[in-house]
Amino acid sequence: KEYRRQRQMCIREGIDIPIWKRYLLSVTEAAQFYHIGEKRLRQIVDIHPNGEFYLLVGNKVLFKKEQFEQFLAESTAI
C-alpha cells in the first residue's frame, strides 16, 4: 500500500519512476530494457495467449517485469 501511495504522489507531481523500479513495462519500455525488439515481444504475447507475464489493458500490452524476467530465465530461445 505504501508503494502505491508513493507512486500516486509521483504521478501527480510529474515525477518519472525509473524503469528498473516499475512493476509494469510497456512494449517500448520492455524492448529497451531487455534488448528484444517490439515486434518479437508482440509475437511472444501472441504465442502465449494465457501468459502470466503480461497484462492486457484494452489493446495495450504491459509486461509484468518480475514474471517476464522469470519467463526469460526459463527460456532457452525466444
C-alpha atoms as a PDB file:
ATOM      1  CA  LYS A   1       0.000   0.000   0.000  1.00  0.00           C
ATOM      2  CA  GLU A   2       2.829   2.367   0.804  1.00  0.00           C
ATOM      3  CA  TYR A   3       4.405   1.822  -2.630  1.00  0.00           C
ATOM      4  CA  ARG A   4       1.068   2.544  -4.345  1.00  0.00           C
ATOM      5  CA  ARG A   5       0.658   5.767  -2.357  1.00  0.00           C
ATOM      6  CA  GLN A   6       4.187   6.897  -3.229  1.00  0.00           C
ATOM      7  CA  ARG A   7       3.622   6.074  -6.906  1.00  0.00           C
ATOM      8  CA  GLN A   8       0.378   8.073  -6.987  1.00  0.00           C
ATOM      9  CA  MET A   9       2.172  11.021  -5.410  1.00  0.00           C
ATOM     10  CA  CYS A  10       4.923  10.785  -8.020  1.00  0.00           C
ATOM     11  CA  ILE A  11       2.415  10.658 -10.864  1.00  0.00           C
ATOM     12  CA  ARG A  12       0.574  13.714  -9.546  1.00  0.00           C
ATOM     13  CA  GLU A  13       3.829  15.632  -9.216  1.00  0.00           C
ATOM     14  CA  GLY A  14       5.013  14.601 -12.703  1.00  0.00           C
ATOM     15  CA  ILE A  15       7.954  12.580 -11.361  1.00  0.00           C
ATOM     16  CA  ASP A  16       9.012   9.717 -13.602  1.00  0.00           C
ATOM     17  CA  ILE A  17       9.648   6.400 -11.865  1.00  0.00           C
ATOM     18  CA  PRO A  18      12.883   4.717 -13.009  1.00  0.00           C
ATOM     19  CA  ILE A  19      12.265   1.794 -15.352  1.00  0.00           C
ATOM     20  CA  TRP A  20      14.030  -0.684 -13.039  1.00  0.00           C
ATOM     21  CA  LYS A  21      11.572   0.160 -10.211  1.00  0.00           C
ATOM     22  CA  ARG A  22       8.372  -0.227 -12.247  1.00  0.00           C
ATOM     23  CA  TYR A  23       6.017  -3.161 -11.876  1.00  0.00           C
ATOM     24  CA  LEU A  24       4.667  -2.960 -15.444  1.00  0.00           C
ATOM     25  CA  LEU A  25       6.532  -2.100 -18.641  1.00  0.00           C
ATOM     26  CA  SER A  26       5.019  -1.049 -21.955  1.00  0.00           C
ATOM     27  CA  VAL A  27       6.177  -2.858 -25.092  1.00  0.00           C
ATOM     28  CA  THR A  28       8.510   0.028 -25.929  1.00  0.00           C
ATOM     29  CA  GLU A  29       9.973   0.105 -22.414  1.00  0.00           C
ATOM     30  CA  ALA A  30      10.382  -3.689 -22.336  1.00  0.00           C
ATOM     31  CA  ALA A  31      12.120  -3.607 -25.719  1.00  0.00           C
ATOM     32  CA  GLN A  32      14.617  -1.057 -24.427  1.00  0.00           C
ATOM     33  CA  PHE A  33      15.092  -2.740 -21.056  1.00  0.00           C
ATOM     34  CA  TYR A  34      15.527  -6.330 -22.301  1.00  0.00           C
ATOM     35  CA  HIS A  35      17.063  -5.574 -25.731  1.00  0.00           C
ATOM     36  CA  ILE A  36      14.303  -7.501 -27.503  1.00  0.00           C
ATOM     37  CA  GLY A  37      12.502  -5.975 -30.489  1.00  0.00           C
ATOM     38  CA  GLU A  38       8.959  -4.698 -30.115  1.00  0.00           C
ATOM     39  CA  LYS A  39       7.777  -6.983 -32.917  1.00  0.00           C
ATOM     40  CA  ARG A  40       9.247 -10.030 -31.167  1.00  0.00           C
ATOM     41  CA  LEU A  41       7.676  -9.035 -27.837  1.00  0.00           C
ATOM     42  CA  ARG A  42       4.271  -8.823 -29.516  1.00  0.00           C
ATOM     43  CA  GLN A  43       4.881 -12.245 -31.093  1.00  0.00           C
ATOM     44  CA  ILE A  44       5.686 -13.688 -27.655  1.00  0.00           C
ATOM     45  CA  VAL A  45       2.334 -12.395 -26.382  1.00  0.00           C
ATOM     46  CA  ASP A  46       0.574 -13.973 -29.396  1.00  0.00           C
ATOM     47  CA  ILE A  47       2.370 -17.307 -28.859  1.00  0.00           C
ATOM     48  CA  HIS A  48       1.446 -17.354 -25.144  1.00  0.00           C
ATOM     49  CA  PRO A  49      -2.216 -16.229 -25.072  1.00  0.00           C
ATOM     50  CA  ASN A  50      -2.618 -17.152 -21.392  1.00  0.00           C
ATOM     51  CA  GLY A  51       0.817 -15.997 -20.251  1.00  0.00           C
ATOM     52  CA  GLU A  52       1.139 -14.861 -16.661  1.00  0.00           C
ATOM     53  CA  PHE A  53       3.892 -12.382 -17.554  1.00  0.00           C
ATOM     54  CA  TYR A  54       1.766  -9.720 -19.224  1.00  0.00           C
ATOM     55  CA  LEU A  55      -1.424  -7.773 -18.712  1.00  0.00           C
ATOM     56  CA  LEU A  56      -3.788  -6.538 -21.405  1.00  0.00           C
ATOM     57  CA  VAL A  57      -5.351  -3.143 -20.752  1.00  0.00           C
ATOM     58  CA  GLY A  58      -7.705  -2.778 -23.683  1.00  0.00           C
ATOM     59  CA  ASN A  59      -5.398  -3.262 -26.661  1.00  0.00           C
ATOM     60  CA  LYS A  60      -2.308  -2.196 -24.725  1.00  0.00           C
ATOM     61  CA  VAL A  61       0.166  -4.873 -23.606  1.00  0.00           C
ATOM     62  CA  LEU A  62       2.007  -4.303 -20.325  1.00  0.00           C
ATOM     63  CA  PHE A  63       4.706  -6.727 -19.210  1.00  0.00           C
ATOM     64  CA  LYS A  64       4.914  -7.686 -15.543  1.00  0.00           C
ATOM     65  CA  LYS A  65       8.624  -7.128 -15.045  1.00  0.00           C
ATOM     66  CA  GLU A  66       9.386  -9.834 -12.466  1.00  0.00           C
ATOM     67  CA  GLN A  67       7.225 -12.503 -14.128  1.00  0.00           C
ATOM     68  CA  PHE A  68       8.657 -11.688 -17.569  1.00  0.00           C
ATOM     69  CA  GLU A  69      12.192 -11.947 -16.190  1.00  0.00           C
ATOM     70  CA  GLN A  70      11.291 -15.376 -14.792  1.00  0.00           C
ATOM     71  CA  PHE A  71       9.887 -16.364 -18.205  1.00  0.00           C
ATOM     72  CA  LEU A  72      13.126 -15.250 -19.866  1.00  0.00           C
ATOM     73  CA  ALA A  73      15.250 -17.083 -17.286  1.00  0.00           C
ATOM     74  CA  GLU A  74      13.399 -20.336 -18.025  1.00  0.00           C
ATOM     75  CA  SER A  75      13.603 -19.892 -21.815  1.00  0.00           C
ATOM     76  CA  THR A  76      16.446 -21.200 -23.937  1.00  0.00           C
ATOM     77  CA  ALA A  77      15.361 -19.324 -27.077  1.00  0.00           C
ATOM     78  CA  ILE A  78      12.835 -16.641 -27.824  1.00  0.00           C
END
